[in-house]
Protein backbone atom coordinates (compact mmCIF):
# COMPACT_ATOMS: atom_id res chain seq x y z
CA MET A 1 -107.73 -235.96 -135.29
CA SER A 2 -106.36 -237.72 -132.71
CA THR A 3 -102.73 -238.86 -132.58
CA THR A 4 -101.54 -242.11 -131.47
CA PRO A 5 -98.01 -243.81 -131.61
CA LYS A 6 -98.85 -245.58 -135.01
CA ASN A 7 -99.83 -242.38 -136.98
CA ILE A 8 -97.34 -240.13 -135.64
CA GLU A 9 -94.86 -240.53 -138.64
CA GLU A 10 -97.92 -240.16 -141.32
CA LEU A 11 -99.09 -237.16 -139.41
CA LYS A 12 -95.64 -236.32 -139.62
CA LYS A 13 -95.47 -236.65 -143.35
CA GLU A 14 -98.57 -235.09 -144.15
CA LEU A 15 -97.30 -231.63 -142.59
CA LEU A 16 -94.03 -232.27 -144.84
CA ASP A 17 -95.34 -233.60 -147.84
CA LYS A 18 -95.37 -230.67 -149.79
CA MET A 19 -91.61 -229.49 -148.71
CA PRO A 20 -88.74 -230.52 -151.08
CA THR A 21 -87.09 -233.52 -149.64
CA LYS A 22 -84.16 -232.52 -148.36
CA VAL A 23 -86.08 -229.75 -146.20
CA ALA A 24 -88.64 -232.84 -145.22
CA ARG A 25 -85.97 -234.72 -143.77
CA LYS A 26 -84.30 -231.87 -141.85
CA ARG A 27 -87.39 -230.85 -140.68
CA ASP A 28 -88.76 -234.35 -139.48
CA ASN A 29 -85.83 -234.30 -136.90
CA GLY A 30 -87.89 -231.23 -135.35
CA ILE A 31 -91.34 -233.05 -134.88
CA VAL A 32 -91.41 -235.36 -132.06
CA PRO A 33 -94.44 -237.31 -130.00
CA GLY A 34 -94.85 -236.54 -126.25
CA ALA A 35 -93.22 -239.08 -123.91
CA GLY A 36 -96.00 -239.96 -121.72
CA SER A 37 -95.75 -240.57 -118.20
CA GLY A 38 -92.42 -243.02 -117.58
CA GLU A 39 -91.62 -243.15 -121.24
CA ALA A 40 -88.23 -242.48 -122.33
CA ILE A 41 -87.98 -238.93 -123.72
CA PRO A 42 -87.39 -238.58 -127.53
CA VAL A 43 -84.87 -236.60 -129.09
CA ILE A 44 -85.74 -233.29 -130.45
CA GLN A 45 -83.65 -231.42 -133.07
CA ALA A 46 -83.47 -227.53 -131.39
CA ASN A 47 -81.64 -224.92 -131.31
CA VAL A 48 -80.20 -225.39 -135.11
CA ARG A 49 -80.84 -222.66 -138.18
CA THR A 50 -84.05 -221.97 -139.61
CA ILE A 51 -83.79 -223.71 -143.43
CA PRO A 52 -83.65 -220.27 -145.92
CA GLY A 53 -87.18 -219.63 -147.53
CA ILE A 54 -89.38 -221.22 -144.77
CA LEU A 55 -91.17 -218.43 -142.75
CA THR A 56 -90.47 -218.96 -139.43
CA GLN A 57 -91.60 -217.92 -135.70
CA ARG A 58 -88.30 -216.69 -134.69
CA GLY A 59 -87.00 -213.41 -133.56
CA CYS A 60 -83.01 -212.13 -134.21
CA THR A 61 -80.41 -211.66 -131.45
CA TYR A 62 -80.95 -208.38 -131.47
CA ALA A 63 -84.59 -209.10 -130.39
CA GLY A 64 -83.71 -211.58 -127.41
CA CYS A 65 -81.16 -209.00 -126.04
CA LYS A 66 -82.77 -205.68 -126.17
CA GLY A 67 -86.26 -206.53 -127.09
CA VAL A 68 -86.80 -209.36 -124.21
CA VAL A 69 -83.78 -209.11 -121.48
CA LEU A 70 -83.03 -205.55 -121.19
CA GLY A 71 -85.80 -203.82 -122.87
CA PRO A 72 -88.51 -203.99 -119.27
CA THR A 73 -85.59 -202.12 -116.86
CA ARG A 74 -87.07 -198.41 -116.61
CA ASP A 75 -83.96 -196.52 -115.66
CA ILE A 76 -82.04 -198.00 -118.65
CA VAL A 77 -81.55 -196.00 -121.63
CA ASN A 78 -81.38 -198.65 -124.51
CA LEU A 79 -79.58 -197.26 -127.42
CA THR A 80 -79.86 -198.86 -130.40
CA HIS A 81 -76.67 -198.66 -132.79
CA GLY A 82 -78.01 -199.06 -136.26
CA PRO A 83 -80.42 -198.14 -138.82
CA ILE A 84 -83.76 -196.85 -137.11
CA GLY A 85 -86.12 -199.39 -138.50
CA CYS A 86 -84.14 -201.68 -135.54
CA GLY A 87 -85.06 -199.32 -133.04
CA PHE A 88 -88.22 -198.66 -133.78
CA TYR A 89 -89.51 -201.96 -134.95
CA SER A 90 -88.21 -202.96 -131.07
CA TRP A 91 -89.95 -200.21 -129.11
CA LEU A 92 -92.83 -201.10 -126.47
CA THR A 93 -93.72 -204.15 -128.56
CA ARG A 94 -94.23 -206.63 -126.06
CA ARG A 95 -96.54 -204.87 -123.46
CA ASN A 96 -93.66 -204.62 -120.75
CA GLN A 97 -95.03 -202.49 -117.59
CA THR A 98 -93.45 -200.65 -115.12
CA ASP A 99 -94.43 -198.40 -112.07
CA ALA A 100 -92.15 -195.58 -112.33
CA GLY A 101 -91.54 -195.17 -108.74
CA PRO A 102 -91.26 -192.06 -106.43
CA ASP A 103 -88.23 -191.10 -108.69
CA GLY A 104 -90.61 -191.15 -112.20
CA ASP A 105 -87.44 -192.70 -113.68
CA ASN A 106 -89.13 -194.56 -116.44
CA SER A 107 -86.91 -194.56 -120.26
CA MET A 108 -88.88 -197.85 -121.48
CA THR A 109 -91.48 -195.10 -123.03
CA TYR A 110 -88.45 -193.55 -125.45
CA CYS A 111 -87.18 -195.09 -128.84
CA CYS A 112 -83.30 -194.09 -128.72
CA SER A 113 -81.58 -194.93 -131.86
CA THR A 114 -78.33 -193.91 -133.62
CA ASP A 115 -80.17 -193.50 -137.26
CA MET A 116 -77.29 -194.96 -138.99
CA THR A 117 -77.50 -194.01 -142.55
CA GLU A 118 -75.38 -194.97 -145.88
CA ASN A 119 -72.67 -192.46 -144.95
CA ASP A 120 -71.96 -194.20 -141.45
CA ILE A 121 -71.74 -197.58 -143.09
CA VAL A 122 -69.21 -196.45 -145.28
CA PHE A 123 -67.14 -194.34 -142.85
CA GLY A 124 -68.15 -195.51 -139.17
CA GLY A 125 -70.82 -194.86 -137.00
CA GLU A 126 -68.52 -194.40 -133.31
CA LYS A 127 -68.67 -190.72 -133.79
CA LYS A 128 -72.53 -190.84 -134.30
CA LEU A 129 -72.84 -193.00 -131.41
CA ARG A 130 -70.52 -190.86 -129.01
CA ALA A 131 -72.95 -188.04 -130.11
CA ALA A 132 -76.02 -190.03 -129.51
CA ILE A 133 -75.06 -191.16 -125.82
CA ARG A 134 -74.27 -187.63 -124.77
CA GLU A 135 -77.55 -186.46 -126.14
CA ALA A 136 -79.34 -189.42 -124.29
CA TYR A 137 -77.55 -188.19 -121.19
CA GLU A 138 -78.41 -184.37 -121.01
CA ASN A 139 -82.08 -185.24 -121.99
CA LEU A 140 -83.18 -188.62 -119.92
CA HIS A 141 -80.13 -188.40 -117.02
CA PRO A 142 -80.41 -192.11 -116.70
CA LYS A 143 -78.47 -194.35 -114.12
CA THR A 144 -77.30 -196.19 -116.90
CA ILE A 145 -77.28 -196.56 -120.86
CA SER A 146 -77.10 -199.94 -122.95
CA ILE A 147 -75.59 -199.99 -126.39
CA PHE A 148 -76.82 -202.87 -128.66
CA ALA A 149 -75.28 -203.35 -131.92
CA THR A 150 -77.74 -204.39 -134.88
CA CYS A 151 -76.37 -206.01 -138.51
CA PRO A 152 -74.60 -203.52 -139.78
CA VAL A 153 -72.46 -202.36 -136.86
CA GLY A 154 -71.20 -206.17 -136.99
CA LEU A 155 -70.18 -205.85 -140.39
CA ILE A 156 -68.58 -202.49 -140.42
CA GLY A 157 -66.34 -203.18 -137.31
CA ASP A 158 -67.59 -200.44 -134.90
CA ASP A 159 -65.86 -200.91 -131.53
CA ILE A 160 -68.95 -200.23 -129.55
CA HIS A 161 -67.04 -202.04 -126.14
CA ALA A 162 -64.59 -198.93 -126.34
CA VAL A 163 -67.10 -196.30 -127.20
CA ALA A 164 -69.03 -197.60 -124.17
CA ARG A 165 -65.62 -197.37 -121.90
CA GLN A 166 -64.92 -193.88 -123.03
CA MET A 167 -68.26 -192.68 -122.28
CA GLN A 168 -68.55 -194.12 -118.95
CA GLU A 169 -65.63 -192.43 -117.78
CA GLU A 170 -66.65 -189.38 -119.28
CA LEU A 171 -70.65 -189.18 -117.67
CA GLY A 172 -69.72 -190.80 -114.59
CA ILE A 173 -72.37 -193.47 -115.15
CA THR A 174 -72.62 -196.90 -116.05
CA VAL A 175 -72.50 -197.57 -120.18
CA PHE A 176 -71.87 -200.93 -121.39
CA ALA A 177 -72.29 -202.33 -125.03
CA ASN A 178 -73.82 -205.76 -126.33
CA SER A 179 -72.24 -207.12 -129.74
CA CYS A 180 -75.93 -208.70 -130.46
CA GLU A 181 -75.90 -208.23 -134.13
CA GLY A 182 -79.06 -209.87 -135.26
CA TYR A 183 -77.15 -212.49 -137.09
CA LYS A 184 -75.07 -213.78 -134.51
CA GLY A 185 -77.22 -216.30 -133.72
CA VAL A 186 -79.69 -218.86 -134.91
CA SER A 187 -82.78 -217.52 -132.71
CA GLN A 188 -83.30 -214.39 -130.49
CA SER A 189 -81.88 -217.24 -127.76
CA ALA A 190 -78.49 -215.75 -128.88
CA GLY A 191 -79.53 -212.37 -127.75
CA HIS A 192 -80.70 -213.70 -124.14
CA HIS A 193 -77.04 -215.25 -123.56
CA ILE A 194 -75.42 -212.02 -125.05
CA ALA A 195 -77.70 -209.71 -122.48
CA ASN A 196 -76.95 -212.51 -119.29
CA ASN A 197 -73.50 -211.81 -120.00
CA GLN A 198 -73.02 -208.35 -119.97
CA ILE A 199 -75.78 -207.66 -116.91
CA PHE A 200 -73.79 -209.91 -115.09
CA ARG A 201 -70.40 -208.79 -115.92
CA HIS A 202 -71.08 -205.01 -115.68
CA VAL A 203 -73.83 -204.51 -113.31
CA ILE A 204 -74.78 -207.75 -110.85
CA GLY A 205 -73.13 -207.50 -107.56
CA THR A 206 -71.51 -203.77 -107.78
CA ASP A 207 -73.54 -202.88 -104.50
CA GLU A 208 -73.12 -204.14 -101.46
CA THR A 209 -75.22 -201.95 -99.05
CA PRO A 210 -77.63 -204.45 -97.40
CA VAL A 211 -80.63 -204.76 -98.33
CA GLU A 212 -83.22 -205.32 -95.71
CA GLY A 213 -86.07 -208.15 -95.56
CA LYS A 214 -86.68 -211.75 -95.05
CA TYR A 215 -86.81 -214.38 -97.34
CA LYS A 216 -84.79 -213.11 -99.55
CA ILE A 217 -85.35 -213.82 -103.54
CA ASN A 218 -84.86 -212.95 -107.08
CA LEU A 219 -87.07 -213.89 -109.59
CA LEU A 220 -85.85 -214.40 -113.01
CA GLY A 221 -86.99 -214.88 -116.51
CA GLU A 222 -90.69 -212.52 -115.71
CA TYR A 223 -91.33 -209.68 -118.08
CA ASN A 224 -94.28 -207.67 -116.63
CA ILE A 225 -96.51 -208.32 -120.14
CA GLY A 226 -100.03 -207.27 -119.41
CA GLY A 227 -98.72 -206.94 -115.47
CA ASP A 228 -97.90 -210.58 -114.66
CA ALA A 229 -95.08 -209.27 -112.53
CA PHE A 230 -97.34 -206.79 -110.03
CA GLU A 231 -99.84 -210.22 -109.67
CA ILE A 232 -96.80 -212.08 -108.50
CA GLU A 233 -95.10 -209.32 -106.54
CA ARG A 234 -98.46 -208.68 -104.42
CA ILE A 235 -98.45 -212.77 -103.68
CA PHE A 236 -94.76 -212.40 -102.44
CA GLU A 237 -95.64 -209.50 -100.49
CA LYS A 238 -98.85 -210.91 -98.77
CA CYS A 239 -96.81 -213.90 -98.20
CA GLY A 240 -94.21 -211.82 -96.49
CA ILE A 241 -91.43 -213.07 -99.16
CA THR A 242 -89.03 -210.03 -99.86
CA LEU A 243 -87.92 -209.76 -103.74
CA LEU A 244 -85.03 -208.26 -104.08
CA ALA A 245 -84.77 -207.94 -108.10
CA THR A 246 -87.13 -209.49 -111.59
CA PHE A 247 -85.27 -209.98 -113.92
CA SER A 248 -86.66 -208.00 -116.02
CA GLY A 249 -89.98 -207.12 -115.61
CA ASN A 250 -90.78 -203.90 -113.24
CA SER A 251 -87.28 -203.87 -112.67
CA THR A 252 -84.63 -201.07 -111.86
CA ILE A 253 -80.71 -201.15 -112.18
CA GLN A 254 -80.23 -200.49 -108.55
CA GLN A 255 -82.04 -204.00 -107.92
CA PHE A 256 -79.57 -206.04 -110.88
CA ARG A 257 -76.95 -204.18 -108.43
CA GLN A 258 -78.09 -205.84 -105.56
CA ALA A 259 -79.21 -209.03 -106.29
CA HIS A 260 -76.18 -211.00 -105.16
CA HIS A 261 -77.61 -210.35 -101.85
CA ALA A 262 -80.61 -212.71 -102.01
CA ASP A 263 -80.60 -216.12 -100.58
CA LEU A 264 -82.48 -217.87 -103.65
CA ASN A 265 -82.92 -217.33 -107.10
CA THR A 266 -86.28 -218.89 -108.86
CA VAL A 267 -86.21 -218.79 -112.55
CA MET A 268 -89.59 -218.78 -114.45
CA CYS A 269 -88.52 -218.55 -118.14
CA HIS A 270 -85.45 -221.04 -118.27
CA ARG A 271 -84.17 -220.48 -122.02
CA SER A 272 -83.80 -216.38 -121.62
CA LEU A 273 -82.22 -216.36 -117.85
CA ASN A 274 -80.62 -219.59 -116.76
CA TYR A 275 -77.42 -218.43 -117.76
CA VAL A 276 -77.36 -215.58 -114.60
CA ALA A 277 -78.72 -218.34 -112.52
CA GLU A 278 -75.84 -220.48 -113.15
CA MET A 279 -73.26 -217.54 -112.62
CA MET A 280 -74.84 -216.16 -109.68
CA GLU A 281 -74.61 -219.67 -107.79
CA THR A 282 -70.91 -219.87 -109.12
CA LYS A 283 -69.59 -216.69 -107.93
CA PHE A 284 -72.14 -215.40 -104.99
CA GLY A 285 -73.07 -219.45 -103.88
CA ILE A 286 -77.11 -218.63 -104.66
CA PRO A 287 -78.56 -221.75 -105.69
CA TRP A 288 -81.51 -221.61 -108.27
CA MET A 289 -84.99 -223.51 -108.80
CA LYS A 290 -87.61 -223.81 -111.13
CA VAL A 291 -90.70 -222.20 -110.43
CA ASN A 292 -93.67 -221.18 -112.56
CA PHE A 293 -96.36 -218.85 -111.66
CA ILE A 294 -98.58 -219.51 -114.61
CA GLY A 295 -101.85 -221.48 -113.17
CA ALA A 296 -103.29 -221.42 -110.13
CA GLU A 297 -102.29 -224.57 -109.19
CA ALA A 298 -98.55 -224.42 -110.34
CA THR A 299 -98.30 -220.88 -108.32
CA ALA A 300 -99.22 -222.77 -105.28
CA LYS A 301 -96.59 -225.28 -105.55
CA SER A 302 -93.92 -222.61 -106.24
CA LEU A 303 -95.02 -221.06 -103.36
CA ARG A 304 -94.74 -224.27 -101.10
CA ARG A 305 -91.11 -224.72 -102.50
CA ILE A 306 -90.18 -221.34 -101.52
CA ALA A 307 -91.29 -221.79 -98.58
CA THR A 308 -89.99 -225.21 -97.78
CA TYR A 309 -86.28 -223.70 -98.81
CA PHE A 310 -86.43 -221.39 -96.14
CA GLU A 311 -87.14 -224.17 -93.98
CA ASP A 312 -89.22 -221.56 -91.62
CA PRO A 313 -92.83 -222.86 -90.07
CA GLU A 314 -94.07 -219.16 -89.89
CA LEU A 315 -93.16 -218.71 -93.53
CA MET A 316 -94.91 -222.08 -94.27
CA ALA A 317 -98.00 -221.43 -92.55
CA ARG A 318 -98.51 -217.88 -93.97
CA VAL A 319 -97.67 -219.49 -97.56
CA GLU A 320 -100.80 -221.86 -96.94
CA GLU A 321 -102.99 -218.76 -95.92
CA VAL A 322 -102.34 -217.04 -98.71
CA ILE A 323 -103.25 -220.10 -100.75
CA ALA A 324 -106.08 -220.47 -98.98
CA GLU A 325 -107.37 -217.24 -99.48
CA GLU A 326 -106.71 -216.98 -102.84
CA LEU A 327 -108.00 -220.11 -104.19
CA PRO A 328 -111.78 -220.36 -103.79
CA ALA A 329 -112.01 -217.16 -106.12
CA VAL A 330 -109.77 -219.26 -108.48
CA LYS A 331 -112.29 -222.27 -108.11
CA ALA A 332 -115.64 -220.95 -108.32
CA ALA A 333 -114.17 -218.98 -111.49
CA ALA A 334 -112.82 -222.34 -113.33
CA ALA A 335 -116.34 -224.02 -112.09
CA GLU A 336 -118.62 -221.11 -114.18
CA VAL A 337 -116.46 -221.57 -117.39
CA LEU A 338 -115.67 -225.16 -117.37
CA PRO A 339 -118.94 -226.50 -118.95
CA ARG A 340 -118.22 -224.54 -121.89
CA THR A 341 -114.40 -224.78 -122.18
CA LYS A 342 -114.22 -228.87 -121.02
CA GLY A 343 -113.15 -231.38 -124.02
CA LYS A 344 -111.97 -228.15 -126.11
CA THR A 345 -108.53 -228.64 -127.64
CA ALA A 346 -105.21 -225.71 -127.66
CA MET A 347 -101.68 -225.56 -129.64
CA LEU A 348 -99.15 -223.53 -127.96
CA PHE A 349 -95.99 -222.45 -130.04
CA VAL A 350 -94.21 -219.65 -128.44
CA GLY A 351 -91.35 -218.69 -126.37
CA GLY A 352 -88.92 -220.51 -124.49
CA SER A 353 -91.31 -221.79 -121.41
CA ARG A 354 -94.77 -220.21 -122.55
CA ALA A 355 -95.92 -223.02 -124.29
CA HIS A 356 -95.20 -225.36 -121.64
CA HIS A 357 -96.35 -223.22 -118.88
CA TYR A 358 -99.71 -222.14 -120.03
CA GLN A 359 -100.77 -225.44 -120.78
CA ASP A 360 -101.22 -225.71 -116.81
CA LEU A 361 -103.82 -223.09 -117.20
CA PHE A 362 -105.39 -224.93 -120.03
CA ARG A 363 -105.50 -228.18 -118.15
CA GLU A 364 -107.32 -226.38 -114.93
CA ILE A 365 -110.44 -225.75 -117.27
CA GLY A 366 -110.38 -228.75 -118.83
CA MET A 367 -108.81 -228.57 -121.91
CA GLU A 368 -106.31 -230.63 -123.83
CA THR A 369 -103.09 -229.16 -125.84
CA LEU A 370 -102.85 -231.07 -129.05
CA ALA A 371 -99.65 -229.90 -130.09
CA ALA A 372 -96.72 -227.48 -128.73
CA GLY A 373 -93.81 -226.26 -129.60
CA TYR A 374 -90.73 -223.15 -128.88
CA GLU A 375 -89.56 -220.46 -131.35
CA PHE A 376 -86.23 -220.40 -129.69
CA ALA A 377 -85.57 -223.27 -127.49
CA HIS A 378 -82.66 -225.56 -127.19
CA ARG A 379 -82.83 -229.35 -126.40
CA ASP A 380 -82.90 -228.94 -122.99
CA ASP A 381 -85.91 -226.93 -122.87
CA TYR A 382 -87.68 -230.10 -124.45
CA GLU A 383 -85.78 -232.91 -123.15
CA GLY A 384 -84.72 -231.38 -119.93
CA ARG A 385 -81.13 -230.37 -118.32
CA GLN A 386 -80.23 -233.65 -118.06
CA VAL A 387 -79.41 -234.04 -121.63
CA LEU A 388 -76.90 -230.98 -121.40
CA PRO A 389 -73.73 -233.08 -121.32
CA SER A 390 -74.77 -234.79 -124.65
CA ILE A 391 -75.51 -231.77 -126.50
CA LYS A 392 -72.89 -230.71 -129.15
CA VAL A 393 -71.34 -227.28 -129.57
CA ASP A 394 -71.90 -226.37 -133.14
CA ALA A 395 -70.50 -223.24 -134.77
CA ASP A 396 -73.33 -220.85 -134.30
CA SER A 397 -73.13 -221.42 -130.27
CA ARG A 398 -69.60 -220.71 -130.42
CA ASN A 399 -70.45 -217.28 -131.49
CA ILE A 400 -71.81 -216.15 -128.22
CA GLU A 401 -69.29 -215.66 -125.37
CA GLU A 402 -69.15 -218.18 -122.32
CA LEU A 403 -67.70 -216.34 -119.54
CA GLU A 404 -65.51 -217.94 -117.42
CA ILE A 405 -66.84 -217.53 -113.69
CA GLU A 406 -65.16 -218.52 -110.20
CA PRO A 407 -66.30 -218.04 -106.69
CA ASP A 408 -66.03 -214.29 -105.58
CA PRO A 409 -63.02 -215.08 -103.12
CA VAL A 410 -64.91 -212.50 -100.51
CA ARG A 411 -68.55 -212.47 -101.43
CA TYR A 412 -69.11 -216.54 -102.03
CA ARG A 413 -71.43 -217.48 -99.44
CA PRO A 414 -73.40 -221.08 -100.33
CA ARG A 415 -76.54 -220.43 -98.75
CA LYS A 416 -77.32 -223.79 -98.05
CA THR A 417 -74.69 -226.49 -97.00
CA PRO A 418 -74.41 -229.54 -99.13
CA GLU A 419 -76.06 -231.62 -96.44
CA GLN A 420 -78.89 -229.06 -96.34
CA ILE A 421 -79.74 -229.20 -100.17
CA LYS A 422 -79.98 -233.05 -99.59
CA ALA A 423 -81.98 -232.59 -96.96
CA LEU A 424 -84.00 -230.27 -99.17
CA GLU A 425 -83.75 -232.71 -101.85
CA ASP A 426 -85.47 -235.78 -99.94
CA LYS A 427 -88.57 -233.24 -99.64
CA GLU A 428 -88.80 -233.40 -103.44
CA LEU A 429 -87.34 -229.64 -104.00
CA ARG A 430 -85.18 -229.52 -107.16
CA PHE A 431 -82.38 -227.83 -107.67
CA LYS A 432 -80.47 -226.70 -111.07
CA VAL A 433 -82.98 -228.84 -112.73
CA TYR A 434 -86.00 -228.06 -115.21
CA GLU A 435 -87.49 -231.54 -116.26
CA GLY A 436 -88.68 -229.84 -119.74
CA MET A 437 -91.79 -229.97 -121.96
CA ILE A 438 -91.62 -233.30 -123.68
CA GLY A 439 -92.15 -235.35 -120.63
CA GLU A 440 -95.06 -233.96 -119.00
CA MET A 441 -96.87 -234.02 -122.70
CA LYS A 442 -98.83 -237.21 -123.29
CA LYS A 443 -97.58 -239.35 -126.03
CA GLU A 444 -100.95 -238.54 -128.36
CA ALA A 445 -99.22 -234.98 -128.52
CA LEU A 446 -97.04 -233.63 -131.20
CA ILE A 447 -93.75 -231.33 -130.40
CA ILE A 448 -92.42 -229.21 -133.18
CA ASP A 449 -89.51 -226.94 -132.87
CA ASP A 450 -89.65 -223.78 -134.70
CA ILE A 451 -92.80 -224.29 -136.61
CA SER A 452 -93.10 -222.59 -139.99
CA GLN A 453 -95.94 -221.02 -141.40
CA HIS A 454 -96.89 -223.84 -143.89
CA GLU A 455 -96.87 -226.28 -140.85
CA THR A 456 -98.90 -224.29 -138.73
CA HIS A 457 -101.58 -224.22 -141.70
CA ARG A 458 -101.50 -228.18 -142.05
CA LEU A 459 -101.44 -228.70 -138.66
CA ILE A 460 -104.63 -226.94 -138.10
CA GLU A 461 -106.35 -228.31 -141.12
CA ILE A 462 -105.24 -232.27 -139.90
CA MET A 463 -105.69 -232.12 -136.07
CA LYS A 464 -108.09 -229.24 -135.87
CA THR A 465 -107.84 -227.40 -132.55
CA ASP A 466 -110.37 -224.78 -130.70
CA ILE A 467 -107.37 -222.38 -130.43
CA PHE A 468 -103.81 -221.20 -130.67
CA CYS A 469 -101.12 -219.73 -129.09
CA ALA A 470 -98.47 -217.73 -130.58
CA GLY A 471 -97.85 -214.36 -131.38
CA ILE A 472 -98.61 -211.48 -133.82
CA LYS A 473 -97.02 -212.89 -136.94
CA GLU A 474 -98.88 -216.04 -136.87
CA LYS A 475 -102.28 -214.15 -135.43
CA TYR A 476 -103.91 -213.31 -138.68
CA ILE A 477 -103.24 -216.84 -140.80
CA VAL A 478 -104.90 -218.61 -138.27
CA GLN A 479 -108.04 -216.37 -137.18
CA LYS A 480 -108.67 -216.36 -141.26
CA MET A 481 -108.78 -220.17 -140.68
CA GLY A 482 -111.40 -219.37 -138.06
CA VAL A 483 -109.64 -220.47 -135.41
CA PRO A 484 -108.92 -217.71 -132.42
CA LEU A 485 -105.27 -216.65 -131.29
CA LYS A 486 -104.41 -215.71 -128.53
CA GLN A 487 -100.82 -214.20 -128.42
CA LEU A 488 -98.70 -214.96 -125.47
CA HIS A 489 -95.75 -212.78 -126.29
CA ASN A 490 -97.71 -209.68 -125.54
CA TYR A 491 -101.09 -210.77 -124.50
CA ASP A 492 -102.80 -208.28 -127.34
CA MET A 493 -104.71 -206.12 -124.72
CA GLY A 494 -105.25 -208.28 -122.11
CA GLY A 495 -103.40 -209.77 -118.72
CA PRO A 496 -102.11 -210.14 -116.29
CA TYR A 497 -102.31 -214.55 -116.59
CA ALA A 498 -99.88 -214.88 -113.64
CA GLY A 499 -100.81 -216.00 -110.47
CA PHE A 500 -104.29 -216.36 -108.90
CA THR A 501 -105.73 -213.33 -109.92
CA GLY A 502 -104.04 -214.25 -113.60
CA ALA A 503 -105.52 -217.30 -113.88
CA ILE A 504 -109.15 -215.81 -113.03
CA ASN A 505 -108.57 -213.52 -116.08
CA TRP A 506 -107.05 -216.44 -118.09
CA TYR A 507 -110.43 -218.82 -117.58
CA ARG A 508 -112.63 -215.81 -118.67
CA GLU A 509 -110.55 -214.89 -121.76
CA ILE A 510 -110.06 -218.08 -123.04
CA ASP A 511 -113.80 -218.66 -122.27
CA ARG A 512 -114.69 -215.92 -124.47
CA LEU A 513 -112.54 -216.65 -127.44
CA VAL A 514 -113.42 -220.56 -127.65
CA ASN A 515 -117.01 -219.98 -127.66
CA SER A 516 -117.66 -216.80 -129.71
CA LYS A 517 -119.37 -217.44 -132.62
CA VAL A 518 -117.56 -215.42 -134.87
CA TRP A 519 -115.10 -217.49 -135.49
CA GLY A 520 -117.53 -219.61 -138.12
CA LEU A 521 -118.25 -216.39 -140.32
CA MET A 522 -114.08 -215.89 -141.11
CA ARG A 523 -114.71 -217.71 -144.93
CA ALA A 524 -113.55 -215.14 -147.00
CA PRO A 525 -116.61 -215.09 -149.65
CA TRP A 526 -114.28 -215.37 -152.88
CA ARG A 527 -113.57 -218.91 -151.81
CA ASP A 528 -117.10 -219.94 -152.77
CA THR A 529 -117.63 -218.27 -155.92
CA GLY A 530 -114.66 -219.26 -158.03
CA PRO A 531 -111.26 -221.41 -158.67
CA GLU A 532 -108.47 -220.78 -155.87
CA ILE A 533 -105.01 -220.42 -157.15
CA GLU A 534 -102.47 -222.84 -154.62
CA ALA A 535 -99.23 -223.06 -154.89
CA GLY A 536 -96.49 -225.29 -152.97
CA TYR A 537 -92.79 -226.36 -152.97
CA VAL A 538 -90.92 -227.66 -156.07
CA ASP A 539 -87.66 -229.93 -156.22
CA ALA A 540 -84.96 -228.22 -157.74
């Protein structure tokens, strides 16, 4: 089914027709059409609580803090203060890869938890937390220990920040805590914000040792799932660009400490790391720009933007050489699969930027995106950062601390003058800008925030699609409908998909998935042999 402005409302009714009236009315605000070229951007409802009873894609605040932002740093011991289920469930679920380096430090393979019990809930868990920190230090000898509070900790009032200060003084290493109780925000986005605050407050800018290298940048919002960061690092090295720190794939605590020596911050996942980018600009004078290394053309465009920023003809020439060396293999791979993929369709519902970025990869092999949406986005991720002044701060958002950042009296150093910034903007560089996803999607496409399991099922039935991209919770529901699902949280067993090599891997993987005959054999045999019981929502 192809959607048009005339039948968008009809399609929304079909998606929501089984829901209670009040629920359908609330969900209606989170479903909008794409804007198309030059059209007005529709307002979408985002970053609001999931309606109780709806099966959502979302994770909790703890998942965003520990699982996403701080989990991939190899020499931080991440200690979950809570029941064992929280720690175990968040252990190695995203396939963040790392290179342990010459010192061999790698704590990512360990699951550290205080294993709170009913006794700790009743009498408090601070004593147990201190003991766990000492045990982690004695066994793993980390440079840093980060503590993560789960739901019970916030309910009983353990002062994890006081414990962190005491243990830092006792052990002589950095110890900091994150009040990221799962219930604290409407999604994992709240956890991203908390992690940004704490890594900025306790780590970034704590080492003044100069860092050698030309064209020094940081990469924010890249998590090295399936080796993505390895491919991006390879490209940077080939271009002669010095990557000081990645937040936080394949990263170390020392890289974070020296990240303030960079001359440019580049942001991949806007939702999860834009806070650090903003705070580093305010405190240290480092400008930031949005980049995308998902897709060969997007990678080339981002490299050119970085080279333009540094205004060095040598770097510009080298970047063009690298692009010229890399693109022929990419174009050959795309041409090989194009006869089998052109005209096929995709849907993407994942993350805070991936559902946007991966549309570029599908476009490169002739595939159209029918529908897309995010799990934990805010309105600016959909509509663009120009809507930030109009976003109302609600009670849930007030749960998350906003750090008051001022220019550092000694270390604040604007990397570019206002005149230089203006000159670069005249060359179509954009600073502190993200246009969002809606404006880049056709008006025939559908955008759905926080899609539910019911809406997923109905969307596939109504619109049809050749492939669906989401996470593990949706994987088997979708595949039972005879539609292949590609996980974009952890890539299943695939990757990397970033950069030039990643694009080639993606083309071949999608070709394999959408052209497999197995999906036509997915119908359960009992559906053809007897009556089927179905149920729906009933208005109270």
